[in-house]
Amino acid sequence: MLPFIPWSSPRAEPGGGVFWKTPEIVAWAKGRAFTYIPTDEGRLYLAT
C-alpha cells in the first residue's frame, strides 16, 4: 500500500487560488518529487 496523507482538521484555507490540499502535500513531500492519485474514498495516495 502506498503512503497517504491524513488531512488536518479543521483544514486551513490557503487563499490566493491555492487548492486547500496543496500546502499539506508540499509539506509532506519535504522537497521530494511526488505523484498524487485522488481516490473515491477521499484518500490521497502519494508515490515519491
C-alpha atoms as a PDB file:
ATOM      1  CA  MET A   1       0.000   0.000   0.000  1.00  0.00           C
ATOM      2  CA  LEU A   2       1.238   3.486  -0.797  1.00  0.00           C
ATOM      3  CA  PRO A   3       1.501   6.077   1.978  1.00  0.00           C
ATOM      4  CA  PHE A   4      -1.314   8.568   2.357  1.00  0.00           C
ATOM      5  CA  ILE A   5      -1.682  11.992   3.963  1.00  0.00           C
ATOM      6  CA  PRO A   6      -4.098  12.307   6.880  1.00  0.00           C
ATOM      7  CA  TRP A   7      -5.639  15.758   6.315  1.00  0.00           C
ATOM      8  CA  SER A   8      -5.669  18.171   9.218  1.00  0.00           C
ATOM      9  CA  SER A   9      -8.972  19.064  10.787  1.00  0.00           C
ATOM     10  CA  PRO A  10     -10.043  21.762  10.711  1.00  0.00           C
ATOM     11  CA  ARG A  11      -8.259  22.364   7.453  1.00  0.00           C
ATOM     12  CA  ALA A  12      -6.588  25.633   6.578  1.00  0.00           C
ATOM     13  CA  GLU A  13      -7.793  27.628   3.578  1.00  0.00           C
ATOM     14  CA  PRO A  14      -4.592  28.963   1.962  1.00  0.00           C
ATOM     15  CA  GLY A  15      -6.309  31.551  -0.294  1.00  0.00           C
ATOM     16  CA  GLY A  16      -4.848  33.143  -3.386  1.00  0.00           C
ATOM     17  CA  GLY A  17      -6.295  30.446  -5.648  1.00  0.00           C
ATOM     18  CA  VAL A  18      -4.230  27.688  -3.977  1.00  0.00           C
ATOM     19  CA  PHE A  19      -6.132  24.399  -3.606  1.00  0.00           C
ATOM     20  CA  TRP A  20      -6.593  23.516   0.074  1.00  0.00           C
ATOM     21  CA  LYS A  21      -4.599  20.261  -0.191  1.00  0.00           C
ATOM     22  CA  THR A  22      -1.526  21.812  -1.799  1.00  0.00           C
ATOM     23  CA  PRO A  23       0.283  23.125   1.329  1.00  0.00           C
ATOM     24  CA  GLU A  24      -0.107  19.807   3.154  1.00  0.00           C
ATOM     25  CA  ILE A  25       1.088  17.813   0.124  1.00  0.00           C
ATOM     26  CA  VAL A  26       4.165  20.007  -0.302  1.00  0.00           C
ATOM     27  CA  ALA A  27       4.967  19.806   3.435  1.00  0.00           C
ATOM     28  CA  TRP A  28       4.589  16.015   3.397  1.00  0.00           C
ATOM     29  CA  ALA A  29       6.838  15.646   0.336  1.00  0.00           C
ATOM     30  CA  LYS A  30       9.674  17.577   2.037  1.00  0.00           C
ATOM     31  CA  GLY A  31      11.291  18.527  -1.273  1.00  0.00           C
ATOM     32  CA  ARG A  32      10.950  15.067  -2.854  1.00  0.00           C
ATOM     33  CA  ALA A  33       9.323  14.584  -6.232  1.00  0.00           C
ATOM     34  CA  PHE A  34       5.846  13.054  -5.915  1.00  0.00           C
ATOM     35  CA  THR A  35       2.756  11.945  -7.775  1.00  0.00           C
ATOM     36  CA  TYR A  36      -0.674  12.049  -6.200  1.00  0.00           C
ATOM     37  CA  ILE A  37      -3.698   9.963  -7.064  1.00  0.00           C
ATOM     38  CA  PRO A  38      -7.057  11.050  -5.647  1.00  0.00           C
ATOM     39  CA  THR A  39      -9.455   8.215  -4.830  1.00  0.00           C
ATOM     40  CA  ASP A  40     -13.196   7.889  -4.367  1.00  0.00           C
ATOM     41  CA  GLU A  41     -12.616   7.111  -0.686  1.00  0.00           C
ATOM     42  CA  GLY A  42     -11.246  10.591  -0.056  1.00  0.00           C
ATOM     43  CA  ARG A  43      -7.660   9.491   0.476  1.00  0.00           C
ATOM     44  CA  LEU A  44      -4.771  10.896  -1.483  1.00  0.00           C
ATOM     45  CA  TYR A  45      -2.067   8.325  -2.215  1.00  0.00           C
ATOM     46  CA  LEU A  46       1.434   9.557  -2.934  1.00  0.00           C
ATOM     47  CA  ALA A  47       4.409   7.965  -4.610  1.00  0.00           C
ATOM     48  CA  THR A  48       7.810   9.573  -4.050  1.00  0.00           C
END
